Amino acid sequence: MDQLAGMRIFARVVELGSFSKAAEDLLLSQSTVTKNVAWLEAHVGARLLNRNTRGVSLNEAGGHYYERCKAILHQLDEADGLIRRSGAELDGTLRISTSVAFGESVVAPLLLPFMRAHPRLRIDLSCEDGFVDLVARNVDLALRLGRLADSSLGGRYLGANPWVMVAAPAYLAERGRPAAPAELRAHDCIVYSSVQGDAVWQLRAPGGESHAAHVRGALRSNNLPTLLTAARDGLGVAILPRYVAEPALSGGGLSQVMAEYTLPDQEIYAVFPSPKLVPRKVSALIRYLVPHFQGDWWRRAIQSRRE
């Protein structure tokens, strides 16, 4: 038999002073109650209750045992209640990691409404462009751009991060507007050293054929805000994520180049240390984020920043 169940039944018999009343209260048969108490007495090796025609009463051993049972059951009920309360409301600290530009421009504004909806939850947002070991750094959730490399991690696809080729209107007026991948060799190009092929830009023509454009220029950086500033200042042609370039495109500071050619999208993933037993605060944030990365999400992200 189950000792914990036996302890609960024993405690209820003591509190109600009767096997039959305990059975009625617990929705059990009287024989089940009697058998559980008898098993418990055999298990501890001592009689716990005095039985007579008027009911039951505790003996000395039973009194000591009842007090211990009551304390154990109270602690267990408190633990159950804590989990139930945590299921109803998020609390504790949620440690999030992402890249600098994505964190500042996209993630941080999205987190604010989530935090207002869960006032007991604390957010620890870390933004850095280098590799972050989720387990070593005790990170609950990372928002990463690109394919997942570590299969031991848990991951949830959120959406696509599109890229666009841009240049300042003044640069294009002076140097001309490239119309085909081969023409990029005659232009100064601003190279993002982290993704998208570095100095080899992968382009897809309207007909579906792929082109690898080898580019060069005076500036190469792994920092997206630096590339954006350089492009707006007329240093050359750049490829940038839509969420970085869109404000300058809509404001006229940048112009789209070779719009008929497409660049590879990046995948956006929510990544967590293990796919098993995902904490509720992590799964709740993922559910919140999924609809925010559908469609032209970068336009909505920019609009929310302006508001």
Protein backbone atom coordinates (compact mmCIF):
# COMPACT_ATOMS: atom_id res chain seq x y z
CA MET A 1 0.00 0.00 0.00
CA ASP A 2 0.93 3.65 -0.33
CA GLN A 3 2.34 4.99 2.94
CA LEU A 4 1.41 8.59 2.14
CA ALA A 5 -2.19 7.58 1.41
CA GLY A 6 -2.20 5.59 4.64
CA MET A 7 -0.97 8.61 6.56
CA ARG A 8 -3.75 10.79 5.13
CA ILE A 9 -6.38 8.21 6.01
CA PHE A 10 -4.94 7.70 9.51
CA ALA A 11 -4.92 11.48 10.15
CA ARG A 12 -8.52 11.80 9.04
CA VAL A 13 -9.60 8.90 11.30
CA VAL A 14 -7.94 10.67 14.23
CA GLU A 15 -9.52 14.03 13.42
CA LEU A 16 -13.03 12.58 12.99
CA GLY A 17 -12.70 9.94 15.73
CA SER A 18 -14.26 7.21 13.62
CA PHE A 19 -13.40 4.82 10.80
CA SER A 20 -16.87 5.19 9.31
CA LYS A 21 -16.84 9.00 9.40
CA ALA A 22 -13.36 9.06 7.83
CA ALA A 23 -14.55 6.69 5.10
CA GLU A 24 -17.56 8.89 4.37
CA ASP A 25 -15.43 12.05 4.33
CA LEU A 26 -12.80 10.53 2.00
CA LEU A 27 -15.37 8.82 -0.25
CA LEU A 28 -13.85 5.42 0.53
CA SER A 29 -15.29 2.18 1.81
CA GLN A 30 -14.90 1.52 5.53
CA SER A 31 -12.94 -1.66 4.77
CA THR A 32 -10.44 0.37 2.72
CA VAL A 33 -9.94 2.78 5.60
CA THR A 34 -9.53 -0.05 8.08
CA LYS A 35 -7.04 -1.91 5.87
CA ASN A 36 -4.92 1.20 5.30
CA VAL A 37 -4.67 1.97 9.01
CA ALA A 38 -3.87 -1.67 9.79
CA TRP A 39 -1.16 -1.67 7.10
CA LEU A 40 0.31 1.55 8.52
CA GLU A 41 0.44 0.06 12.02
CA ALA A 42 2.16 -3.05 10.65
CA HIS A 43 4.58 -0.88 8.71
CA VAL A 44 5.70 1.15 11.75
CA GLY A 45 5.51 -1.90 14.03
CA ALA A 46 3.24 -0.37 16.65
CA ARG A 47 -0.47 0.02 17.41
CA LEU A 48 -1.46 3.63 16.83
CA LEU A 49 -5.15 3.64 17.76
CA ASN A 50 -7.21 2.26 20.59
CA ARG A 51 -10.45 0.82 19.28
CA ASN A 52 -13.69 0.30 21.18
CA THR A 53 -17.43 0.33 20.53
CA ARG A 54 -17.60 4.09 21.03
CA GLY A 55 -14.95 4.83 18.38
CA VAL A 56 -11.19 5.21 18.26
CA SER A 57 -8.65 7.18 20.27
CA LEU A 58 -4.93 7.78 20.08
CA ASN A 59 -2.50 5.96 22.30
CA GLU A 60 0.87 7.46 23.17
CA ALA A 61 2.66 6.13 20.08
CA GLY A 62 -0.25 7.14 17.89
CA GLY A 63 -0.21 10.68 19.29
CA HIS A 64 3.46 11.15 18.43
CA TYR A 65 2.96 9.62 14.99
CA TYR A 66 -0.10 11.76 14.28
CA GLU A 67 1.79 14.98 15.02
CA ARG A 68 4.54 13.97 12.59
CA CYS A 69 1.99 12.95 9.95
CA LYS A 70 0.18 16.26 10.33
CA ALA A 71 3.42 18.22 9.81
CA ILE A 72 4.40 16.14 6.76
CA LEU A 73 0.97 16.43 5.17
CA HIS A 74 0.89 20.18 5.82
CA GLN A 75 4.26 20.63 4.09
CA LEU A 76 3.11 18.52 1.17
CA ASP A 77 -0.09 20.53 0.80
CA GLU A 78 1.95 23.75 0.89
CA ALA A 79 4.23 22.42 -1.86
CA ASP A 80 1.23 21.45 -3.98
CA GLY A 81 -0.29 24.87 -3.43
CA LEU A 82 2.94 26.59 -4.42
CA ILE A 83 3.00 24.76 -7.74
CA ARG A 84 -0.68 25.48 -8.35
CA ARG A 85 -0.15 29.17 -7.60
CA SER A 86 2.89 29.29 -9.87
CA GLY A 87 0.72 27.73 -12.57
CA ALA A 88 -1.78 30.54 -12.19
CA GLU A 89 0.73 33.38 -12.11
CA LEU A 90 4.30 33.63 -13.38
CA ASP A 91 6.95 34.67 -10.89
CA GLY A 92 10.67 34.31 -10.29
CA THR A 93 13.38 35.42 -12.71
CA LEU A 94 13.41 34.68 -16.45
CA ARG A 95 16.94 34.97 -17.88
CA ILE A 96 16.96 35.76 -21.60
CA SER A 97 19.88 36.03 -24.02
CA THR A 98 19.95 37.48 -27.54
CA SER A 99 22.11 39.55 -29.89
CA VAL A 100 22.70 43.27 -29.37
CA ALA A 101 20.77 44.77 -32.29
CA PHE A 102 17.92 42.26 -32.15
CA GLY A 103 17.64 42.66 -28.39
CA GLU A 104 17.57 46.44 -28.46
CA SER A 105 15.33 46.89 -31.50
CA VAL A 106 12.94 43.95 -31.27
CA VAL A 107 13.11 41.88 -28.09
CA ALA A 108 13.15 44.60 -25.43
CA PRO A 109 10.02 46.39 -26.77
CA LEU A 110 8.19 43.05 -26.99
CA LEU A 111 9.05 42.16 -23.40
CA LEU A 112 7.47 45.25 -21.86
CA PRO A 113 3.80 44.25 -22.44
CA PHE A 114 4.65 40.70 -21.32
CA MET A 115 6.10 42.06 -18.08
CA ARG A 116 3.05 44.23 -17.47
CA ALA A 117 0.86 41.14 -17.89
CA HIS A 118 2.99 39.25 -15.33
CA PRO A 119 3.98 41.78 -12.67
CA ARG A 120 5.55 39.18 -10.36
CA LEU A 121 7.97 38.02 -13.06
CA ARG A 122 11.46 39.53 -13.21
CA ILE A 123 13.31 39.68 -16.55
CA ASP A 124 17.11 39.51 -16.86
CA LEU A 125 17.88 40.36 -20.51
CA SER A 126 21.46 39.91 -21.71
CA CYS A 127 22.39 41.25 -25.17
CA GLU A 128 25.69 40.19 -26.72
CA ASP A 129 26.78 39.04 -30.16
CA GLY A 130 29.20 36.28 -29.11
CA PHE A 131 28.37 32.64 -28.39
CA VAL A 132 26.49 32.10 -25.14
CA ASP A 133 26.49 28.72 -23.37
CA LEU A 134 22.95 28.51 -22.00
CA VAL A 135 23.74 25.91 -19.34
CA ALA A 136 26.98 27.51 -18.11
CA ARG A 137 25.38 30.97 -17.99
CA ASN A 138 22.12 29.73 -16.43
CA VAL A 139 20.06 31.17 -19.30
CA ASP A 140 16.40 30.13 -19.44
CA LEU A 141 15.72 31.22 -23.03
CA ALA A 142 17.80 32.49 -25.94
CA LEU A 143 16.41 34.18 -29.04
CA ARG A 144 18.74 33.24 -31.87
CA LEU A 145 18.91 34.05 -35.56
CA GLY A 146 19.98 31.27 -37.91
CA ARG A 147 19.88 27.49 -37.93
CA LEU A 148 20.17 25.56 -34.68
CA ALA A 149 23.52 23.80 -34.44
CA ASP A 150 23.19 22.03 -31.07
CA SER A 151 20.60 19.27 -31.20
CA SER A 152 20.74 18.72 -27.42
CA LEU A 153 18.98 22.05 -26.87
CA GLY A 154 15.26 22.59 -27.01
CA GLY A 155 14.06 24.91 -29.75
CA ARG A 156 10.89 26.47 -31.14
CA TYR A 157 10.77 28.12 -34.56
CA LEU A 158 9.28 31.61 -34.28
CA GLY A 159 9.51 33.08 -37.76
CA ALA A 160 11.75 34.39 -40.54
CA ASN A 161 14.12 37.35 -40.42
CA PRO A 162 14.29 38.82 -43.95
CA TRP A 163 17.26 40.79 -45.30
CA VAL A 164 17.43 43.61 -47.83
CA MET A 165 20.16 45.26 -49.94
CA VAL A 166 20.40 49.01 -49.42
CA ALA A 167 22.46 52.10 -50.15
CA ALA A 168 22.17 55.82 -49.52
CA PRO A 169 20.49 57.86 -52.32
CA ALA A 170 23.61 60.08 -52.49
CA TYR A 171 25.87 57.05 -53.04
CA LEU A 172 23.63 55.71 -55.80
CA ALA A 173 23.47 59.13 -57.47
CA GLU A 174 27.27 59.29 -57.57
CA ARG A 175 28.13 55.64 -58.35
CA GLY A 176 25.06 54.39 -60.15
CA ARG A 177 22.55 51.74 -59.14
CA PRO A 178 23.66 48.09 -59.59
CA ALA A 179 21.08 46.04 -61.47
CA ALA A 180 22.65 42.56 -61.43
CA PRO A 181 24.91 40.57 -59.07
CA ALA A 182 27.95 40.90 -61.35
CA GLU A 183 27.74 44.71 -61.16
CA LEU A 184 28.37 44.63 -57.40
CA ARG A 185 32.07 44.05 -58.14
CA ALA A 186 32.31 47.64 -59.31
CA HIS A 187 30.83 49.00 -56.06
CA ASP A 188 32.03 49.64 -52.54
CA CYS A 189 30.22 47.15 -50.32
CA ILE A 190 29.83 47.16 -46.57
CA VAL A 191 30.39 43.63 -45.29
CA TYR A 192 28.66 42.05 -42.30
CA SER A 193 31.18 39.56 -40.96
CA SER A 194 28.83 37.35 -38.93
CA VAL A 195 26.26 35.84 -41.30
CA GLN A 196 24.88 35.97 -44.85
CA GLY A 197 28.10 34.64 -46.40
CA ASP A 198 30.41 37.41 -45.18
CA ALA A 199 31.97 38.82 -48.40
CA VAL A 200 30.02 36.42 -50.64
CA TRP A 201 26.40 37.53 -50.94
CA GLN A 202 23.94 34.83 -51.94
CA LEU A 203 21.22 36.21 -54.21
CA ARG A 204 18.23 34.58 -55.89
CA ALA A 205 17.01 35.97 -59.21
CA PRO A 206 13.31 36.36 -60.06
CA GLY A 207 13.52 33.17 -62.13
CA GLY A 208 14.87 31.19 -59.19
CA GLU A 209 18.53 30.87 -60.20
CA SER A 210 21.14 31.45 -57.49
CA HIS A 211 24.06 33.90 -57.73
CA ALA A 212 27.09 34.19 -55.46
CA ALA A 213 28.30 37.80 -55.58
CA HIS A 214 31.85 38.35 -54.33
CA VAL A 215 31.99 41.82 -52.82
CA ARG A 216 34.60 44.07 -51.26
CA GLY A 217 34.79 47.46 -49.62
CA ALA A 218 36.46 49.61 -47.00
CA LEU A 219 34.37 48.50 -44.01
CA ARG A 220 33.76 45.06 -42.54
CA SER A 221 32.05 44.68 -39.13
CA ASN A 222 30.00 42.29 -37.03
CA ASN A 223 27.98 45.19 -35.58
CA LEU A 224 24.71 45.94 -37.36
CA PRO A 225 24.24 49.52 -36.08
CA THR A 226 27.72 50.32 -37.41
CA LEU A 227 26.79 48.96 -40.85
CA LEU A 228 23.54 50.92 -40.84
CA THR A 229 25.33 54.16 -40.01
CA ALA A 230 27.94 53.54 -42.69
CA ALA A 231 25.29 52.84 -45.32
CA ARG A 232 23.31 55.96 -44.43
CA ASP A 233 26.53 58.00 -44.62
CA GLY A 234 27.08 56.84 -48.21
CA LEU A 235 30.01 54.50 -47.62
CA GLY A 236 28.59 51.86 -49.96
CA VAL A 237 26.05 49.10 -50.56
CA ALA A 238 25.06 46.94 -47.58
CA ILE A 239 22.78 44.04 -46.77
CA LEU A 240 20.86 44.43 -43.53
CA PRO A 241 17.98 42.75 -41.69
CA ARG A 242 14.66 44.39 -42.45
CA TYR A 243 14.13 45.32 -38.80
CA VAL A 244 17.40 47.30 -38.92
CA ALA A 245 16.99 48.91 -42.35
CA GLU A 246 13.23 49.63 -42.47
CA PRO A 247 13.17 52.94 -40.53
CA ALA A 248 15.82 54.40 -42.85
CA LEU A 249 14.07 52.98 -45.92
CA SER A 250 10.71 54.44 -44.96
CA GLY A 251 12.34 57.74 -43.99
CA GLY A 252 14.32 58.10 -47.21
CA GLY A 253 17.75 57.75 -45.62
CA LEU A 254 18.31 54.51 -47.54
CA SER A 255 17.07 53.15 -50.84
CA GLN A 256 16.54 49.49 -51.67
CA VAL A 257 18.94 48.06 -54.23
CA MET A 258 18.22 45.19 -56.64
CA ALA A 259 14.79 44.69 -55.13
CA GLU A 260 13.94 41.95 -57.62
CA TYR A 261 16.69 39.75 -56.13
CA THR A 262 16.10 38.10 -52.77
CA LEU A 263 18.53 37.35 -49.97
CA PRO A 264 18.23 34.26 -47.76
CA ASP A 265 16.01 34.71 -44.71
CA GLN A 266 17.36 33.88 -41.29
CA GLU A 267 15.34 31.58 -39.06
CA ILE A 268 14.34 32.99 -35.67
CA TYR A 269 14.38 30.43 -32.87
CA ALA A 270 13.55 30.40 -29.20
CA VAL A 271 16.19 28.12 -27.67
CA PHE A 272 16.20 26.64 -24.17
CA PRO A 273 18.62 24.33 -22.32
CA SER A 274 16.56 21.14 -22.56
CA PRO A 275 13.50 19.99 -24.53
CA LYS A 276 12.24 18.14 -21.43
CA LEU A 277 10.34 19.72 -18.53
CA VAL A 278 10.36 23.22 -19.98
CA PRO A 279 9.59 25.75 -17.20
CA ARG A 280 6.17 27.34 -17.46
CA LYS A 281 7.63 30.87 -17.61
CA VAL A 282 9.66 29.84 -20.68
CA SER A 283 6.75 28.20 -22.49
CA ALA A 284 4.52 31.18 -21.64
CA LEU A 285 6.97 33.63 -23.20
CA ILE A 286 7.33 31.46 -26.31
CA ARG A 287 3.55 31.32 -26.76
CA TYR A 288 3.48 35.11 -26.43
CA LEU A 289 6.26 35.61 -28.99
CA VAL A 290 5.00 33.29 -31.76
CA PRO A 291 2.26 35.61 -33.16
CA HIS A 292 4.61 38.61 -32.98
CA PHE A 293 6.93 37.07 -35.59
CA GLN A 294 4.34 36.34 -38.26
CA GLY A 295 3.95 38.26 -41.52
CA ASP A 296 5.71 41.64 -41.79
CA TRP A 297 6.59 41.57 -38.11
CA TRP A 298 9.45 44.05 -38.53
CA ARG A 299 7.00 46.75 -39.57
CA ARG A 300 4.93 46.19 -36.43
CA ALA A 301 8.10 46.18 -34.31
CA ILE A 302 9.13 49.54 -35.73
CA GLN A 303 5.65 50.99 -35.21
CA SER A 304 5.62 49.85 -31.57
CA ARG A 305 8.97 51.53 -30.98
CA ARG A 306 7.62 54.77 -32.38
CA GLU A 307 4.61 54.60 -30.11
